[in-house]
N, C-alpha and C. Protein backbone atom coordinates (compact mmCIF):
# COMPACT_ATOMS: atom_id res chain seq x y z
N MET A 1 69.65 95.42 14.55
CA MET A 1 69.23 94.18 13.96
C MET A 1 69.77 93.02 14.80
N TYR A 2 68.90 92.11 15.13
CA TYR A 2 69.30 90.95 15.91
C TYR A 2 69.82 89.85 15.01
N ASP A 3 70.85 89.12 15.48
CA ASP A 3 71.23 87.90 14.76
C ASP A 3 70.36 86.77 15.31
N SER A 4 70.48 85.59 14.72
CA SER A 4 69.57 84.49 15.09
C SER A 4 69.73 84.08 16.55
N GLN A 5 70.93 84.14 17.10
CA GLN A 5 71.14 83.77 18.50
C GLN A 5 70.48 84.78 19.43
N GLU A 6 70.66 86.08 19.13
CA GLU A 6 70.04 87.12 19.94
C GLU A 6 68.52 87.02 19.87
N ARG A 7 68.00 86.74 18.67
CA ARG A 7 66.56 86.60 18.49
C ARG A 7 66.04 85.43 19.32
N ALA A 8 66.77 84.32 19.31
CA ALA A 8 66.37 83.15 20.09
C ALA A 8 66.37 83.47 21.59
N GLU A 9 67.33 84.27 22.03
CA GLU A 9 67.38 84.66 23.44
C GLU A 9 66.19 85.54 23.81
N VAL A 10 65.85 86.48 22.93
CA VAL A 10 64.69 87.35 23.18
C VAL A 10 63.43 86.50 23.30
N PHE A 11 63.20 85.61 22.31
CA PHE A 11 62.01 84.77 22.35
C PHE A 11 62.02 83.83 23.55
N GLY A 12 63.20 83.39 23.94
CA GLY A 12 63.31 82.48 25.08
C GLY A 12 62.86 83.10 26.38
N ARG A 13 62.95 84.42 26.47
CA ARG A 13 62.52 85.12 27.69
C ARG A 13 61.04 85.50 27.66
N CYS A 14 60.41 85.37 26.52
CA CYS A 14 59.01 85.78 26.38
C CYS A 14 58.06 84.68 26.80
N ARG A 15 57.09 85.06 27.61
CA ARG A 15 56.02 84.14 27.99
C ARG A 15 54.76 84.42 27.19
N ARG A 16 54.63 85.66 26.73
CA ARG A 16 53.42 86.05 26.00
C ARG A 16 53.79 86.98 24.85
N VAL A 17 53.36 86.59 23.64
CA VAL A 17 53.69 87.35 22.43
C VAL A 17 52.40 87.69 21.70
N LEU A 18 52.30 88.93 21.27
CA LEU A 18 51.17 89.37 20.46
C LEU A 18 51.70 89.64 19.06
N ILE A 19 51.05 89.06 18.06
CA ILE A 19 51.45 89.25 16.67
C ILE A 19 50.32 89.99 15.96
N LYS A 20 50.62 91.19 15.47
CA LYS A 20 49.65 91.99 14.73
C LYS A 20 49.91 91.79 13.25
N VAL A 21 48.91 91.38 12.51
CA VAL A 21 49.03 91.11 11.09
C VAL A 21 48.16 92.11 10.32
N GLY A 22 48.81 92.93 9.50
CA GLY A 22 48.11 93.96 8.75
C GLY A 22 47.35 93.41 7.55
N SER A 23 46.39 94.18 7.08
CA SER A 23 45.57 93.79 5.93
C SER A 23 46.42 93.47 4.70
N ALA A 24 47.43 94.28 4.44
CA ALA A 24 48.25 94.07 3.25
C ALA A 24 49.04 92.77 3.33
N VAL A 25 49.24 92.24 4.54
CA VAL A 25 49.97 90.98 4.70
C VAL A 25 49.06 89.78 4.39
N VAL A 26 47.80 89.84 4.82
CA VAL A 26 46.91 88.67 4.69
C VAL A 26 45.93 88.78 3.53
N THR A 27 46.03 89.85 2.73
CA THR A 27 45.15 89.98 1.57
C THR A 27 45.99 90.29 0.34
N GLY A 28 45.39 90.05 -0.80
CA GLY A 28 46.04 90.33 -2.07
C GLY A 28 44.99 90.71 -3.09
N PRO A 29 45.33 90.66 -4.36
CA PRO A 29 44.40 91.05 -5.41
C PRO A 29 43.14 90.20 -5.46
N LYS A 30 43.20 88.99 -4.94
CA LYS A 30 42.05 88.09 -4.98
C LYS A 30 41.38 87.96 -3.61
N GLY A 31 41.57 88.93 -2.73
CA GLY A 31 40.97 88.87 -1.40
C GLY A 31 41.94 88.28 -0.40
N LEU A 32 41.45 87.38 0.45
CA LEU A 32 42.33 86.78 1.46
C LEU A 32 43.44 85.99 0.79
N ASP A 33 44.64 86.14 1.31
CA ASP A 33 45.79 85.37 0.84
C ASP A 33 45.94 84.18 1.78
N ARG A 34 45.18 83.13 1.47
CA ARG A 34 45.16 81.96 2.35
C ARG A 34 46.53 81.28 2.43
N ALA A 35 47.31 81.34 1.36
CA ALA A 35 48.65 80.76 1.40
C ALA A 35 49.51 81.50 2.43
N MET A 36 49.40 82.81 2.48
CA MET A 36 50.15 83.60 3.47
C MET A 36 49.67 83.28 4.88
N ILE A 37 48.37 83.15 5.06
CA ILE A 37 47.84 82.81 6.38
C ILE A 37 48.36 81.45 6.82
N HIS A 38 48.47 80.51 5.89
CA HIS A 38 49.03 79.19 6.22
C HIS A 38 50.52 79.31 6.57
N ARG A 39 51.26 80.13 5.84
CA ARG A 39 52.69 80.31 6.16
C ARG A 39 52.85 80.93 7.54
N LEU A 40 52.02 81.91 7.85
CA LEU A 40 52.08 82.52 9.17
C LEU A 40 51.73 81.52 10.26
N SER A 41 50.70 80.70 10.01
CA SER A 41 50.32 79.70 11.03
C SER A 41 51.44 78.69 11.22
N ASP A 42 52.15 78.33 10.15
CA ASP A 42 53.29 77.42 10.27
C ASP A 42 54.34 78.01 11.20
N GLN A 43 54.65 79.28 11.00
CA GLN A 43 55.68 79.93 11.81
C GLN A 43 55.23 80.12 13.25
N ILE A 44 53.97 80.49 13.44
CA ILE A 44 53.45 80.68 14.79
C ILE A 44 53.41 79.34 15.53
N ALA A 45 52.97 78.29 14.86
CA ALA A 45 52.93 76.96 15.49
C ALA A 45 54.34 76.50 15.86
N GLU A 46 55.30 76.78 15.00
CA GLU A 46 56.70 76.41 15.30
C GLU A 46 57.20 77.18 16.52
N LEU A 47 56.86 78.45 16.60
CA LEU A 47 57.25 79.26 17.74
C LEU A 47 56.65 78.71 19.03
N ARG A 48 55.39 78.34 18.97
CA ARG A 48 54.73 77.74 20.15
C ARG A 48 55.37 76.42 20.53
N GLU A 49 55.72 75.62 19.52
CA GLU A 49 56.30 74.31 19.78
C GLU A 49 57.69 74.41 20.40
N ARG A 50 58.46 75.40 19.99
CA ARG A 50 59.81 75.59 20.52
C ARG A 50 59.82 76.02 21.97
N SER A 51 58.78 76.70 22.38
CA SER A 51 58.71 77.27 23.72
C SER A 51 58.09 76.27 24.69
N VAL A 52 58.61 76.26 25.90
CA VAL A 52 58.02 75.41 26.93
C VAL A 52 56.59 75.87 27.21
N ARG A 53 56.42 77.17 27.36
CA ARG A 53 55.08 77.71 27.63
C ARG A 53 55.00 79.14 27.14
N MET A 54 54.58 79.31 25.91
CA MET A 54 54.43 80.65 25.37
C MET A 54 53.00 80.83 24.88
N ASP A 55 52.37 81.88 25.37
CA ASP A 55 51.05 82.24 24.88
C ASP A 55 51.22 83.16 23.68
N ILE A 56 50.44 82.91 22.64
CA ILE A 56 50.49 83.77 21.46
C ILE A 56 49.08 84.24 21.15
N LEU A 57 48.94 85.53 20.92
CA LEU A 57 47.69 86.13 20.50
C LEU A 57 47.92 86.77 19.14
N VAL A 58 46.92 86.74 18.28
CA VAL A 58 47.03 87.34 16.95
C VAL A 58 45.98 88.43 16.82
N VAL A 59 46.41 89.62 16.41
CA VAL A 59 45.48 90.68 16.02
C VAL A 59 45.53 90.70 14.50
N SER A 60 44.42 90.35 13.88
CA SER A 60 44.40 90.20 12.42
C SER A 60 43.45 91.17 11.76
N SER A 61 43.99 91.93 10.84
CA SER A 61 43.17 92.77 9.97
C SER A 61 42.74 91.93 8.77
N GLY A 62 41.95 92.55 7.88
CA GLY A 62 41.61 91.89 6.63
C GLY A 62 40.13 91.66 6.38
N ALA A 63 39.27 91.91 7.36
CA ALA A 63 37.85 91.60 7.18
C ALA A 63 37.21 92.46 6.09
N VAL A 64 37.51 93.75 6.07
CA VAL A 64 36.87 94.64 5.09
C VAL A 64 37.30 94.24 3.68
N ILE A 65 38.60 94.04 3.46
CA ILE A 65 39.08 93.68 2.13
C ILE A 65 38.55 92.31 1.72
N SER A 66 38.50 91.38 2.67
CA SER A 66 37.94 90.06 2.37
C SER A 66 36.48 90.18 1.93
N GLY A 67 35.71 90.99 2.65
CA GLY A 67 34.31 91.20 2.30
C GLY A 67 34.14 91.88 0.95
N MET A 68 34.99 92.85 0.67
CA MET A 68 34.94 93.53 -0.63
C MET A 68 35.11 92.52 -1.76
N HIS A 69 36.10 91.67 -1.62
CA HIS A 69 36.37 90.70 -2.68
C HIS A 69 35.21 89.72 -2.81
N ARG A 70 34.68 89.25 -1.69
CA ARG A 70 33.59 88.29 -1.74
C ARG A 70 32.36 88.89 -2.41
N MET A 71 32.16 90.20 -2.25
CA MET A 71 31.00 90.86 -2.86
C MET A 71 31.30 91.37 -4.27
N GLY A 72 32.53 91.24 -4.73
CA GLY A 72 32.89 91.69 -6.07
C GLY A 72 33.12 93.19 -6.17
N LEU A 73 33.37 93.87 -5.04
CA LEU A 73 33.62 95.31 -5.09
C LEU A 73 35.06 95.57 -5.54
N THR A 74 35.25 96.56 -6.36
CA THR A 74 36.59 96.89 -6.85
C THR A 74 37.19 98.09 -6.14
N GLU A 75 36.35 98.86 -5.46
CA GLU A 75 36.83 100.02 -4.70
C GLU A 75 36.49 99.85 -3.24
N ARG A 76 37.39 100.32 -2.38
CA ARG A 76 37.15 100.26 -0.94
C ARG A 76 35.93 101.14 -0.60
N PRO A 77 35.00 100.62 0.19
CA PRO A 77 33.83 101.42 0.58
C PRO A 77 34.27 102.71 1.27
N ARG A 78 33.50 103.76 1.04
CA ARG A 78 33.85 105.06 1.61
C ARG A 78 33.04 105.40 2.86
N THR A 79 31.82 104.91 2.94
CA THR A 79 30.97 105.27 4.08
C THR A 79 31.11 104.21 5.17
N ILE A 80 30.83 104.65 6.39
CA ILE A 80 30.90 103.73 7.53
C ILE A 80 29.95 102.54 7.34
N PRO A 81 28.67 102.75 6.96
CA PRO A 81 27.79 101.59 6.79
C PRO A 81 28.30 100.60 5.74
N HIS A 82 28.89 101.10 4.66
CA HIS A 82 29.41 100.21 3.62
C HIS A 82 30.64 99.45 4.11
N LYS A 83 31.52 100.12 4.86
CA LYS A 83 32.69 99.44 5.44
C LYS A 83 32.23 98.38 6.44
N GLN A 84 31.22 98.73 7.23
CA GLN A 84 30.70 97.77 8.22
C GLN A 84 30.10 96.55 7.55
N ALA A 85 29.36 96.78 6.48
CA ALA A 85 28.76 95.65 5.76
C ALA A 85 29.84 94.78 5.13
N ALA A 86 30.86 95.39 4.55
CA ALA A 86 31.95 94.61 3.97
C ALA A 86 32.66 93.80 5.06
N ALA A 87 32.88 94.41 6.22
CA ALA A 87 33.52 93.70 7.33
C ALA A 87 32.65 92.52 7.79
N ALA A 88 31.35 92.74 7.82
CA ALA A 88 30.43 91.67 8.24
C ALA A 88 30.51 90.48 7.28
N VAL A 89 30.63 90.76 5.99
CA VAL A 89 30.74 89.70 4.99
C VAL A 89 32.11 89.02 5.09
N GLY A 90 33.15 89.79 5.34
CA GLY A 90 34.51 89.25 5.32
C GLY A 90 35.01 88.63 6.60
N GLN A 91 34.45 89.01 7.75
CA GLN A 91 34.99 88.52 9.04
C GLN A 91 34.90 87.00 9.16
N GLY A 92 33.81 86.42 8.73
CA GLY A 92 33.67 84.96 8.82
C GLY A 92 34.71 84.23 7.99
N ALA A 93 34.95 84.74 6.77
CA ALA A 93 35.96 84.12 5.90
C ALA A 93 37.35 84.28 6.50
N LEU A 94 37.63 85.44 7.10
CA LEU A 94 38.93 85.66 7.74
C LEU A 94 39.14 84.66 8.88
N MET A 95 38.14 84.50 9.71
CA MET A 95 38.26 83.54 10.82
C MET A 95 38.38 82.11 10.32
N GLU A 96 37.62 81.79 9.29
CA GLU A 96 37.68 80.43 8.74
C GLU A 96 39.07 80.14 8.20
N ALA A 97 39.70 81.13 7.58
CA ALA A 97 41.05 80.95 7.04
C ALA A 97 42.05 80.69 8.16
N TRP A 98 41.96 81.44 9.25
CA TRP A 98 42.84 81.20 10.39
C TRP A 98 42.56 79.84 11.02
N GLU A 99 41.29 79.51 11.14
CA GLU A 99 40.92 78.22 11.75
C GLU A 99 41.47 77.05 10.95
N VAL A 100 41.30 77.06 9.65
CA VAL A 100 41.82 75.99 8.78
C VAL A 100 43.34 75.93 8.87
N ALA A 101 43.99 77.09 8.87
CA ALA A 101 45.45 77.13 8.90
C ALA A 101 46.01 76.51 10.19
N PHE A 102 45.36 76.75 11.31
CA PHE A 102 45.86 76.21 12.58
C PHE A 102 45.34 74.80 12.87
N ASP A 103 44.32 74.39 12.15
CA ASP A 103 43.75 73.06 12.38
C ASP A 103 44.76 71.95 12.13
N LYS A 104 45.65 72.13 11.17
CA LYS A 104 46.65 71.08 10.88
C LYS A 104 47.60 70.87 12.05
N TYR A 105 47.63 71.80 13.00
CA TYR A 105 48.45 71.67 14.21
C TYR A 105 47.60 71.34 15.43
N ASP A 106 46.32 71.03 15.18
CA ASP A 106 45.38 70.77 16.28
C ASP A 106 45.32 71.93 17.27
N LEU A 107 45.45 73.14 16.75
CA LEU A 107 45.35 74.34 17.58
C LEU A 107 43.99 74.99 17.35
N LEU A 108 43.26 75.16 18.42
CA LEU A 108 41.98 75.85 18.32
C LEU A 108 42.21 77.35 18.35
N VAL A 109 41.38 78.05 17.59
CA VAL A 109 41.40 79.51 17.61
C VAL A 109 40.04 80.01 18.06
N ALA A 110 40.03 81.24 18.57
CA ALA A 110 38.79 81.85 19.02
C ALA A 110 38.71 83.26 18.46
N GLN A 111 37.57 83.64 17.94
CA GLN A 111 37.35 84.99 17.44
C GLN A 111 37.02 85.90 18.61
N VAL A 112 37.75 87.01 18.71
CA VAL A 112 37.47 88.02 19.72
C VAL A 112 37.36 89.36 19.01
N LEU A 113 36.17 89.93 19.00
CA LEU A 113 35.92 91.22 18.35
C LEU A 113 35.71 92.27 19.42
N LEU A 114 36.47 93.36 19.33
CA LEU A 114 36.42 94.39 20.36
C LEU A 114 36.24 95.77 19.74
N THR A 115 35.71 96.70 20.53
CA THR A 115 35.67 98.11 20.18
C THR A 115 36.45 98.87 21.25
N SER A 116 36.77 100.12 20.98
CA SER A 116 37.49 100.90 21.99
C SER A 116 36.63 101.07 23.25
N GLU A 117 35.32 101.06 23.09
CA GLU A 117 34.42 101.12 24.25
C GLU A 117 34.64 99.93 25.19
N ASP A 118 34.96 98.77 24.61
CA ASP A 118 35.19 97.58 25.42
C ASP A 118 36.40 97.73 26.32
N LEU A 119 37.36 98.54 25.90
CA LEU A 119 38.58 98.71 26.69
C LEU A 119 38.59 100.02 27.46
N ALA A 120 37.59 100.88 27.24
CA ALA A 120 37.52 102.17 27.92
C ALA A 120 36.75 102.10 29.23
N HIS A 121 35.91 101.11 29.39
CA HIS A 121 35.10 100.98 30.60
C HIS A 121 35.61 99.81 31.42
N ARG A 122 35.87 100.06 32.68
CA ARG A 122 36.54 99.09 33.56
C ARG A 122 35.89 97.71 33.53
N HIS A 123 34.58 97.65 33.66
CA HIS A 123 33.88 96.35 33.71
C HIS A 123 34.10 95.57 32.40
N ARG A 124 33.95 96.25 31.28
CA ARG A 124 34.12 95.59 29.98
C ARG A 124 35.58 95.24 29.73
N TYR A 125 36.50 96.10 30.18
CA TYR A 125 37.93 95.84 30.09
C TYR A 125 38.27 94.54 30.83
N LEU A 126 37.77 94.42 32.06
CA LEU A 126 38.04 93.22 32.84
C LEU A 126 37.41 91.98 32.20
N ASN A 127 36.22 92.13 31.63
CA ASN A 127 35.59 91.00 30.93
C ASN A 127 36.45 90.56 29.75
N ALA A 128 36.95 91.51 28.97
CA ALA A 128 37.80 91.18 27.82
C ALA A 128 39.07 90.48 28.30
N ARG A 129 39.69 91.03 29.34
CA ARG A 129 40.92 90.42 29.87
C ARG A 129 40.66 89.02 30.39
N ASN A 130 39.58 88.84 31.14
CA ASN A 130 39.25 87.51 31.68
C ASN A 130 39.00 86.50 30.57
N THR A 131 38.31 86.93 29.51
CA THR A 131 38.07 86.02 28.39
C THR A 131 39.38 85.62 27.72
N LEU A 132 40.25 86.60 27.46
CA LEU A 132 41.53 86.29 26.81
C LEU A 132 42.40 85.40 27.71
N GLU A 133 42.42 85.69 28.99
CA GLU A 133 43.22 84.87 29.92
C GLU A 133 42.69 83.44 29.97
N THR A 134 41.37 83.28 29.96
CA THR A 134 40.78 81.94 29.98
C THR A 134 41.12 81.19 28.70
N LEU A 135 40.97 81.84 27.56
CA LEU A 135 41.31 81.19 26.29
C LEU A 135 42.77 80.73 26.30
N LEU A 136 43.66 81.61 26.73
CA LEU A 136 45.09 81.26 26.75
C LEU A 136 45.36 80.11 27.73
N SER A 137 44.69 80.12 28.87
CA SER A 137 44.90 79.03 29.84
C SER A 137 44.40 77.69 29.30
N TRP A 138 43.46 77.73 28.37
CA TRP A 138 42.96 76.52 27.73
C TRP A 138 43.79 76.13 26.51
N GLY A 139 44.81 76.91 26.19
CA GLY A 139 45.65 76.62 25.03
C GLY A 139 45.03 77.03 23.70
N ILE A 140 44.03 77.90 23.76
CA ILE A 140 43.33 78.36 22.56
C ILE A 140 43.92 79.71 22.14
N MET A 141 44.17 79.87 20.86
CA MET A 141 44.78 81.09 20.36
C MET A 141 43.71 82.11 19.96
N PRO A 142 43.67 83.25 20.66
CA PRO A 142 42.73 84.31 20.28
C PRO A 142 43.15 84.96 18.96
N ILE A 143 42.19 85.12 18.06
CA ILE A 143 42.37 85.91 16.84
C ILE A 143 41.49 87.15 17.05
N ILE A 144 42.10 88.28 17.23
CA ILE A 144 41.43 89.50 17.66
C ILE A 144 41.32 90.48 16.50
N ASN A 145 40.20 91.16 16.42
CA ASN A 145 40.01 92.19 15.41
C ASN A 145 39.07 93.24 16.00
N GLU A 146 39.10 94.43 15.42
CA GLU A 146 38.12 95.43 15.82
C GLU A 146 36.75 94.98 15.35
N ASN A 147 35.73 95.20 16.16
CA ASN A 147 34.38 94.82 15.78
C ASN A 147 33.82 95.89 14.85
N ASP A 148 34.28 95.84 13.60
CA ASP A 148 33.93 96.87 12.61
C ASP A 148 32.44 96.95 12.33
N THR A 149 31.71 95.88 12.54
CA THR A 149 30.29 95.90 12.16
C THR A 149 29.44 96.76 13.08
N VAL A 150 29.91 97.05 14.29
CA VAL A 150 29.10 97.86 15.21
C VAL A 150 29.77 99.16 15.61
N VAL A 151 31.04 99.32 15.30
CA VAL A 151 31.77 100.49 15.74
C VAL A 151 31.38 101.70 14.88
N VAL A 152 31.37 102.86 15.50
CA VAL A 152 31.14 104.11 14.77
C VAL A 152 32.41 104.94 14.87
N GLU A 153 32.53 105.90 14.00
CA GLU A 153 33.78 106.67 13.88
C GLU A 153 34.28 107.20 15.22
N GLU A 154 33.35 107.62 16.09
CA GLU A 154 33.74 108.23 17.35
C GLU A 154 34.41 107.23 18.31
N ILE A 155 34.14 105.92 18.12
CA ILE A 155 34.71 104.94 19.05
C ILE A 155 35.63 103.95 18.36
N LYS A 156 36.08 104.27 17.16
CA LYS A 156 37.01 103.38 16.46
C LYS A 156 38.40 103.48 17.09
N PHE A 157 39.13 102.37 17.05
CA PHE A 157 40.53 102.40 17.45
C PHE A 157 41.33 103.22 16.46
N GLY A 158 40.87 103.29 15.25
CA GLY A 158 41.59 103.97 14.18
C GLY A 158 42.25 102.95 13.28
N ASP A 159 42.94 102.01 13.88
CA ASP A 159 43.53 100.90 13.13
C ASP A 159 43.92 99.81 14.13
N ASN A 160 44.29 98.68 13.60
CA ASN A 160 44.63 97.57 14.49
C ASN A 160 46.00 97.73 15.13
N ASP A 161 46.81 98.71 14.70
CA ASP A 161 48.05 99.00 15.40
C ASP A 161 47.73 99.50 16.81
N HIS A 162 46.78 100.41 16.87
CA HIS A 162 46.34 100.95 18.17
C HIS A 162 45.71 99.84 19.01
N LEU A 163 44.85 99.04 18.39
CA LEU A 163 44.22 97.93 19.10
C LEU A 163 45.27 96.97 19.65
N SER A 164 46.27 96.63 18.86
CA SER A 164 47.28 95.67 19.32
C SER A 164 48.07 96.24 20.50
N ALA A 165 48.35 97.53 20.50
CA ALA A 165 49.05 98.14 21.63
C ALA A 165 48.21 98.04 22.90
N LEU A 166 46.92 98.31 22.78
CA LEU A 166 46.04 98.20 23.95
C LEU A 166 45.91 96.75 24.44
N ILE A 167 45.81 95.81 23.51
CA ILE A 167 45.71 94.40 23.88
C ILE A 167 47.00 93.94 24.55
N ALA A 168 48.15 94.42 24.05
CA ALA A 168 49.43 94.06 24.66
C ALA A 168 49.45 94.46 26.13
N GLY A 169 48.97 95.65 26.44
CA GLY A 169 48.88 96.09 27.82
C GLY A 169 47.85 95.30 28.61
N LEU A 170 46.74 95.00 27.98
CA LEU A 170 45.65 94.25 28.62
C LEU A 170 46.12 92.89 29.11
N VAL A 171 46.92 92.20 28.31
CA VAL A 171 47.33 90.83 28.65
C VAL A 171 48.77 90.74 29.14
N GLY A 172 49.46 91.87 29.25
CA GLY A 172 50.84 91.85 29.73
C GLY A 172 51.79 91.16 28.76
N ALA A 173 51.67 91.49 27.47
CA ALA A 173 52.54 90.87 26.46
C ALA A 173 53.99 91.29 26.69
N ASP A 174 54.89 90.33 26.53
CA ASP A 174 56.32 90.60 26.64
C ASP A 174 56.90 91.14 25.34
N LEU A 175 56.23 90.83 24.24
CA LEU A 175 56.73 91.21 22.93
C LEU A 175 55.55 91.41 21.98
N VAL A 176 55.61 92.46 21.17
CA VAL A 176 54.63 92.69 20.11
C VAL A 176 55.38 92.66 18.78
N ILE A 177 54.89 91.83 17.88
CA ILE A 177 55.46 91.74 16.54
C ILE A 177 54.43 92.32 15.58
N ASN A 178 54.84 93.34 14.82
CA ASN A 178 53.92 94.00 13.90
C ASN A 178 54.30 93.63 12.47
N LEU A 179 53.49 92.78 11.85
CA LEU A 179 53.73 92.38 10.47
C LEU A 179 52.96 93.32 9.57
N THR A 180 53.69 94.14 8.81
CA THR A 180 53.08 95.18 8.00
C THR A 180 53.88 95.37 6.71
N ASP A 181 53.28 96.09 5.78
CA ASP A 181 54.02 96.47 4.58
C ASP A 181 54.42 97.94 4.62
N THR A 182 54.26 98.58 5.78
CA THR A 182 54.60 99.99 5.93
C THR A 182 56.11 100.14 5.96
N ASP A 183 56.65 100.93 5.03
CA ASP A 183 58.09 101.15 4.96
C ASP A 183 58.60 101.79 6.25
N GLY A 184 59.75 101.31 6.69
CA GLY A 184 60.42 101.90 7.84
C GLY A 184 59.91 101.46 9.19
N LEU A 185 58.93 100.58 9.21
CA LEU A 185 58.39 100.14 10.49
C LEU A 185 58.88 98.74 10.78
């Protein structure tokens, strides 16, 4: 466990940080937990402000649960087409919540939706990296999620933990922070 001075030293050495936010963190019984998204944006903005030059990327889950709530579903969809449809309904609301939360800091966000195919093929991998690097060079914070609406079981990352690890390598992240409700992690 780091004390606050050690934590400050670790962050002080980081030029690029990836923050993975799990579904259970940004959603609740009523769908998206916009208050939590605002609290996270407050902390992320403070982290950016403290650093001379720190790039921050966010991998955010929550589209499927957001879509379920918006459609009034009480059970998580079981089939791929139903999960994809729920993600399609929820992804816009998820991005809008992040956009509103960062707007008070005049920070622009960009939606980046990826599949494992995008990172498995060299040309598409380089395109994804170039896009992320350009966004970061412009001071825009990428909000990344799996492109659930088009992905099929055979090419799914499995979860955004796997996606965040691949993105960390893609952009050369110095630190990955995994915000989850999983015990022991």
